[in-house]
Structures are given as C-alpha cells and as structure tokens.
Amino acid sequence: MPSFKFHFIEIDWIVYLPSHGNEGRTLRKYGVTYLDRKKGKSQTGRIIELEKALLSSVIAKQYPHTVGFYLASKGRGKTWKPDYLRKRKISSKNAFYTFVKELGL
C-alpha cells in the first residue's frame, strides 16, 4: 500500500500516512508509522495515531521544523535523497495538519 511521506528534515524523521485504511477518521486519528532515521528506530507496535506521533518529544519540543512532502526517494543511508514535491516550515502540529489538508490528501 503506497504512503504519503513527510520528512521532518532537521530531526531526520519520516512520518508515513497510508493512502488507504484511514477512511472515516479525522486527520488527528489517522493511523501512521514513522522512522527516526538518526536512530534507525520506528514506532513501537504496528501503527499509531498521527496526533501521538506529533506529540513525541522529538517533534513537539523542537519546532519549527522544515517538512518535505514526497512520494519517492533515491539511494540508501547517507546517499538517501527524497524527491520533494513541496516543502514547508511549520511551527506547530496544527500547522502540520493545515499543510496536509492543503495537499488534499
């Protein structure tokens, strides 16, 4: 199942929003996965709510973030490079929700 991918550039986190499976849920309650590329760790368990991912201390305590939206990337590890479709500086979780809504996802 393809995902919509958001790269929090400064902290090198990727939040994946599945393109299917969240029908009928509010954006805050979307089931998502994430990857902390610096530590090579993902969320515990299978999926978590978007709200919980955005409340993680790494994200919540380090605003503003530059967030890049992408669908595809190239390379691995240090050579990894996403093909950003849009980038935006966000200063809060509500600004992230607005960004996602503006993308029409």
N, C-alpha and C. Protein backbone atom coordinates (compact mmCIF):
# COMPACT_ATOMS: atom_id res chain seq x y z
N MET A 1 0.85 -1.18 0.00
CA MET A 1 0.00 0.00 0.00
C MET A 1 0.90 1.24 0.00
N PRO A 2 0.75 2.12 -0.98
CA PRO A 2 1.58 3.33 -1.02
C PRO A 2 1.25 4.26 0.15
N SER A 3 2.23 5.08 0.49
CA SER A 3 2.08 6.03 1.58
C SER A 3 2.42 7.43 1.10
N PHE A 4 1.87 8.41 1.80
CA PHE A 4 2.29 9.80 1.64
C PHE A 4 3.36 10.01 2.69
N LYS A 5 4.50 10.54 2.29
CA LYS A 5 5.66 10.60 3.18
C LYS A 5 6.01 12.05 3.50
N PHE A 6 6.25 12.28 4.78
CA PHE A 6 6.63 13.61 5.25
C PHE A 6 7.95 13.50 5.99
N HIS A 7 8.96 14.22 5.50
CA HIS A 7 10.29 14.20 6.10
C HIS A 7 10.46 15.45 6.95
N PHE A 8 10.64 15.25 8.25
CA PHE A 8 10.96 16.35 9.17
C PHE A 8 12.48 16.48 9.08
N ILE A 9 12.93 17.42 8.27
CA ILE A 9 14.30 17.46 7.79
C ILE A 9 15.32 17.65 8.91
N GLU A 10 15.12 18.60 9.80
CA GLU A 10 16.13 18.89 10.82
C GLU A 10 16.36 17.72 11.78
N ILE A 11 15.31 16.99 12.09
CA ILE A 11 15.45 15.87 13.03
C ILE A 11 15.56 14.53 12.29
N ASP A 12 15.44 14.54 10.98
CA ASP A 12 15.55 13.38 10.10
C ASP A 12 14.55 12.28 10.48
N TRP A 13 13.30 12.67 10.65
CA TRP A 13 12.19 11.74 10.89
C TRP A 13 11.33 11.68 9.64
N ILE A 14 10.76 10.51 9.38
CA ILE A 14 9.80 10.35 8.30
C ILE A 14 8.51 9.85 8.91
N VAL A 15 7.40 10.53 8.60
CA VAL A 15 6.08 10.10 9.03
C VAL A 15 5.34 9.64 7.78
N TYR A 16 4.85 8.40 7.82
CA TYR A 16 4.16 7.78 6.70
C TYR A 16 2.66 7.77 6.95
N LEU A 17 1.88 8.39 6.05
CA LEU A 17 0.43 8.35 6.11
C LEU A 17 -0.04 7.42 5.00
N PRO A 18 -0.58 6.25 5.35
CA PRO A 18 -1.05 5.32 4.32
C PRO A 18 -2.14 5.97 3.46
N SER A 19 -2.13 5.66 2.17
CA SER A 19 -3.13 6.24 1.27
C SER A 19 -4.49 5.56 1.43
N HIS A 20 -4.54 4.41 2.11
CA HIS A 20 -5.80 3.70 2.35
C HIS A 20 -5.83 3.23 3.80
N GLY A 21 -7.03 3.00 4.31
CA GLY A 21 -7.17 2.43 5.64
C GLY A 21 -7.54 3.41 6.72
N ASN A 22 -7.60 4.70 6.39
CA ASN A 22 -7.97 5.71 7.39
C ASN A 22 -9.30 6.37 7.07
N GLU A 23 -10.07 5.73 6.20
CA GLU A 23 -11.35 6.29 5.80
C GLU A 23 -12.24 6.47 7.04
N GLY A 24 -12.91 7.63 7.13
CA GLY A 24 -13.82 7.91 8.23
C GLY A 24 -13.14 8.45 9.48
N ARG A 25 -11.83 8.51 9.50
CA ARG A 25 -11.10 9.04 10.67
C ARG A 25 -10.76 10.50 10.44
N THR A 26 -10.70 11.26 11.54
CA THR A 26 -10.18 12.62 11.43
C THR A 26 -8.67 12.52 11.22
N LEU A 27 -8.08 13.56 10.67
CA LEU A 27 -6.65 13.55 10.40
C LEU A 27 -5.85 13.26 11.67
N ARG A 28 -6.24 13.82 12.79
CA ARG A 28 -5.53 13.59 14.06
C ARG A 28 -5.51 12.13 14.45
N LYS A 29 -6.52 11.38 14.07
CA LYS A 29 -6.65 9.96 14.45
C LYS A 29 -6.14 9.00 13.37
N TYR A 30 -5.59 9.55 12.27
CA TYR A 30 -5.04 8.68 11.22
C TYR A 30 -4.03 7.73 11.83
N GLY A 31 -4.06 6.49 11.39
CA GLY A 31 -3.03 5.53 11.75
C GLY A 31 -1.81 5.76 10.88
N VAL A 32 -0.65 5.98 11.49
CA VAL A 32 0.57 6.27 10.76
C VAL A 32 1.72 5.42 11.30
N THR A 33 2.79 5.41 10.56
CA THR A 33 4.05 4.85 11.03
C THR A 33 5.10 5.94 10.89
N TYR A 34 6.20 5.78 11.60
CA TYR A 34 7.29 6.75 11.46
C TYR A 34 8.63 6.04 11.54
N LEU A 35 9.65 6.72 11.08
CA LEU A 35 11.02 6.24 11.16
C LEU A 35 11.91 7.39 11.63
N ASP A 36 12.65 7.14 12.70
CA ASP A 36 13.68 8.07 13.17
C ASP A 36 14.96 7.62 12.47
N ARG A 37 15.33 8.31 11.40
CA ARG A 37 16.48 7.88 10.60
C ARG A 37 17.80 8.01 11.37
N LYS A 38 17.89 8.96 12.30
CA LYS A 38 19.13 9.11 13.06
C LYS A 38 19.39 7.91 13.95
N LYS A 39 18.34 7.40 14.57
CA LYS A 39 18.48 6.26 15.49
C LYS A 39 18.14 4.93 14.82
N GLY A 40 17.57 4.98 13.62
CA GLY A 40 17.19 3.76 12.94
C GLY A 40 16.05 3.04 13.63
N LYS A 41 15.15 3.81 14.26
CA LYS A 41 14.04 3.22 15.01
C LYS A 41 12.70 3.69 14.46
N SER A 42 11.71 2.81 14.59
CA SER A 42 10.34 3.19 14.24
C SER A 42 9.48 3.10 15.50
N GLN A 43 8.21 3.42 15.34
CA GLN A 43 7.30 3.41 16.48
C GLN A 43 7.19 2.00 17.05
N THR A 44 6.85 1.90 18.31
CA THR A 44 6.62 0.58 18.89
C THR A 44 5.23 0.12 18.47
N GLY A 45 5.08 -1.13 18.13
CA GLY A 45 3.81 -1.63 17.63
C GLY A 45 3.69 -1.34 16.15
N ARG A 46 2.52 -1.65 15.64
CA ARG A 46 2.32 -1.57 14.20
C ARG A 46 2.05 -0.15 13.69
N ILE A 47 1.01 0.49 14.17
CA ILE A 47 0.70 1.87 13.77
C ILE A 47 0.31 2.66 15.00
N ILE A 48 0.43 3.97 14.90
CA ILE A 48 -0.01 4.86 15.98
C ILE A 48 -0.83 5.97 15.34
N GLU A 49 -1.53 6.71 16.18
CA GLU A 49 -2.30 7.85 15.68
C GLU A 49 -1.35 9.00 15.36
N LEU A 50 -1.67 9.75 14.31
CA LEU A 50 -0.85 10.88 13.91
C LEU A 50 -0.64 11.84 15.07
N GLU A 51 -1.70 12.10 15.84
CA GLU A 51 -1.60 13.00 16.99
C GLU A 51 -0.48 12.56 17.94
N LYS A 52 -0.39 11.26 18.21
CA LYS A 52 0.64 10.75 19.12
C LYS A 52 2.04 10.92 18.54
N ALA A 53 2.17 10.71 17.24
CA ALA A 53 3.48 10.90 16.61
C ALA A 53 3.92 12.36 16.73
N LEU A 54 2.99 13.29 16.50
CA LEU A 54 3.33 14.71 16.55
C LEU A 54 3.55 15.21 17.98
N LEU A 55 3.05 14.47 18.97
CA LEU A 55 3.28 14.83 20.37
C LEU A 55 4.56 14.21 20.94
N SER A 56 5.25 13.39 20.15
CA SER A 56 6.51 12.82 20.63
C SER A 56 7.45 13.97 20.96
N SER A 57 8.27 13.78 21.97
CA SER A 57 9.13 14.88 22.44
C SER A 57 10.08 15.37 21.36
N VAL A 58 10.55 14.49 20.50
CA VAL A 58 11.48 14.90 19.44
C VAL A 58 10.84 15.92 18.51
N ILE A 59 9.58 15.73 18.19
CA ILE A 59 8.88 16.68 17.33
C ILE A 59 8.36 17.87 18.14
N ALA A 60 7.65 17.60 19.22
CA ALA A 60 6.94 18.65 19.96
C ALA A 60 7.88 19.69 20.59
N LYS A 61 9.07 19.30 20.96
CA LYS A 61 9.97 20.23 21.66
C LYS A 61 10.96 20.93 20.74
N GLN A 62 10.88 20.68 19.43
CA GLN A 62 11.91 21.24 18.54
C GLN A 62 11.34 22.05 17.39
N TYR A 63 10.14 22.61 17.53
CA TYR A 63 9.61 23.48 16.49
C TYR A 63 10.46 24.72 16.39
N PRO A 64 10.56 25.33 15.21
CA PRO A 64 9.91 24.96 13.96
C PRO A 64 10.66 23.83 13.25
N HIS A 65 9.96 23.16 12.33
CA HIS A 65 10.51 22.09 11.51
C HIS A 65 10.30 22.46 10.04
N THR A 66 11.25 22.06 9.23
CA THR A 66 11.04 22.10 7.79
C THR A 66 10.55 20.71 7.42
N VAL A 67 9.38 20.65 6.78
CA VAL A 67 8.79 19.36 6.43
C VAL A 67 8.70 19.28 4.92
N GLY A 68 9.25 18.19 4.38
CA GLY A 68 9.17 17.95 2.95
C GLY A 68 8.21 16.82 2.66
N PHE A 69 7.27 17.06 1.75
CA PHE A 69 6.32 16.04 1.31
C PHE A 69 6.90 15.38 0.07
N TYR A 70 6.93 14.03 0.07
CA TYR A 70 7.44 13.32 -1.09
C TYR A 70 6.74 11.97 -1.24
N LEU A 71 6.84 11.40 -2.42
CA LEU A 71 6.28 10.08 -2.70
C LEU A 71 7.38 9.07 -3.01
N ALA A 72 8.51 9.54 -3.56
CA ALA A 72 9.60 8.65 -3.95
C ALA A 72 10.93 9.23 -3.48
N SER A 73 11.91 8.33 -3.35
CA SER A 73 13.25 8.74 -2.96
C SER A 73 14.27 7.85 -3.67
N LYS A 74 15.53 8.27 -3.60
CA LYS A 74 16.63 7.52 -4.22
C LYS A 74 17.71 7.27 -3.18
N GLY A 75 18.45 6.20 -3.36
CA GLY A 75 19.60 5.92 -2.50
C GLY A 75 19.21 5.32 -1.17
N ARG A 76 20.23 5.05 -0.37
CA ARG A 76 20.06 4.47 0.96
C ARG A 76 21.05 5.12 1.92
N GLY A 77 20.72 5.07 3.20
CA GLY A 77 21.64 5.60 4.21
C GLY A 77 22.02 7.04 3.93
N LYS A 78 23.33 7.30 3.89
CA LYS A 78 23.81 8.67 3.69
C LYS A 78 23.55 9.20 2.28
N THR A 79 23.31 8.31 1.32
CA THR A 79 23.03 8.76 -0.05
C THR A 79 21.54 8.92 -0.32
N TRP A 80 20.70 8.67 0.71
CA TRP A 80 19.24 8.77 0.56
C TRP A 80 18.85 10.20 0.24
N LYS A 81 18.01 10.35 -0.78
CA LYS A 81 17.54 11.69 -1.18
C LYS A 81 16.09 11.60 -1.62
N PRO A 82 15.18 12.22 -0.86
CA PRO A 82 13.78 12.23 -1.29
C PRO A 82 13.56 13.25 -2.41
N ASP A 83 12.61 12.94 -3.26
CA ASP A 83 12.21 13.87 -4.33
C ASP A 83 11.02 14.67 -3.80
N TYR A 84 11.31 15.79 -3.12
CA TYR A 84 10.26 16.59 -2.50
C TYR A 84 9.33 17.19 -3.55
N LEU A 85 8.04 17.07 -3.30
CA LEU A 85 7.05 17.73 -4.14
C LEU A 85 6.73 19.11 -3.58
N ARG A 86 6.77 19.22 -2.24
CA ARG A 86 6.57 20.52 -1.57
C ARG A 86 7.31 20.50 -0.25
N LYS A 87 7.76 21.66 0.17
CA LYS A 87 8.39 21.82 1.48
C LYS A 87 7.73 23.01 2.17
N ARG A 88 7.67 22.91 3.49
CA ARG A 88 7.10 24.00 4.27
C ARG A 88 7.72 24.03 5.66
N LYS A 89 7.92 25.24 6.17
CA LYS A 89 8.36 25.44 7.55
C LYS A 89 7.10 25.45 8.40
N ILE A 90 7.05 24.60 9.42
CA ILE A 90 5.88 24.56 10.30
C ILE A 90 6.30 24.88 11.72
N SER A 91 5.40 25.50 12.46
CA SER A 91 5.73 25.92 13.82
C SER A 91 4.88 25.24 14.89
N SER A 92 3.99 24.33 14.47
CA SER A 92 3.13 23.64 15.43
C SER A 92 2.49 22.43 14.76
N LYS A 93 1.89 21.56 15.58
CA LYS A 93 1.19 20.41 15.00
C LYS A 93 0.01 20.87 14.16
N ASN A 94 -0.66 21.95 14.57
CA ASN A 94 -1.79 22.46 13.78
C ASN A 94 -1.33 22.95 12.41
N ALA A 95 -0.12 23.53 12.35
CA ALA A 95 0.43 23.95 11.06
C ALA A 95 0.71 22.73 10.18
N PHE A 96 1.10 21.61 10.79
CA PHE A 96 1.30 20.38 10.02
C PHE A 96 -0.03 19.89 9.47
N TYR A 97 -1.08 19.88 10.30
CA TYR A 97 -2.41 19.45 9.82
C TYR A 97 -2.87 20.32 8.66
N THR A 98 -2.63 21.62 8.75
CA THR A 98 -3.00 22.54 7.67
C THR A 98 -2.24 22.19 6.40
N PHE A 99 -0.95 21.90 6.51
CA PHE A 99 -0.13 21.52 5.36
C PHE A 99 -0.71 20.28 4.69
N VAL A 100 -1.03 19.25 5.48
CA VAL A 100 -1.58 18.02 4.92
C VAL A 100 -2.90 18.29 4.22
N LYS A 101 -3.77 19.09 4.84
CA LYS A 101 -5.08 19.40 4.24
C LYS A 101 -4.92 20.17 2.94
N GLU A 102 -3.96 21.10 2.89
CA GLU A 102 -3.73 21.87 1.67
C GLU A 102 -3.24 20.99 0.53
N LEU A 103 -2.58 19.89 0.85
CA LEU A 103 -2.11 18.95 -0.17
C LEU A 103 -3.25 18.10 -0.71
N GLY A 104 -4.40 18.12 -0.01
CA GLY A 104 -5.58 17.41 -0.46
C GLY A 104 -5.49 15.90 -0.26
N LEU A 105 -4.74 15.49 0.74
CA LEU A 105 -4.55 14.04 0.97
C LEU A 105 -5.69 13.42 1.72
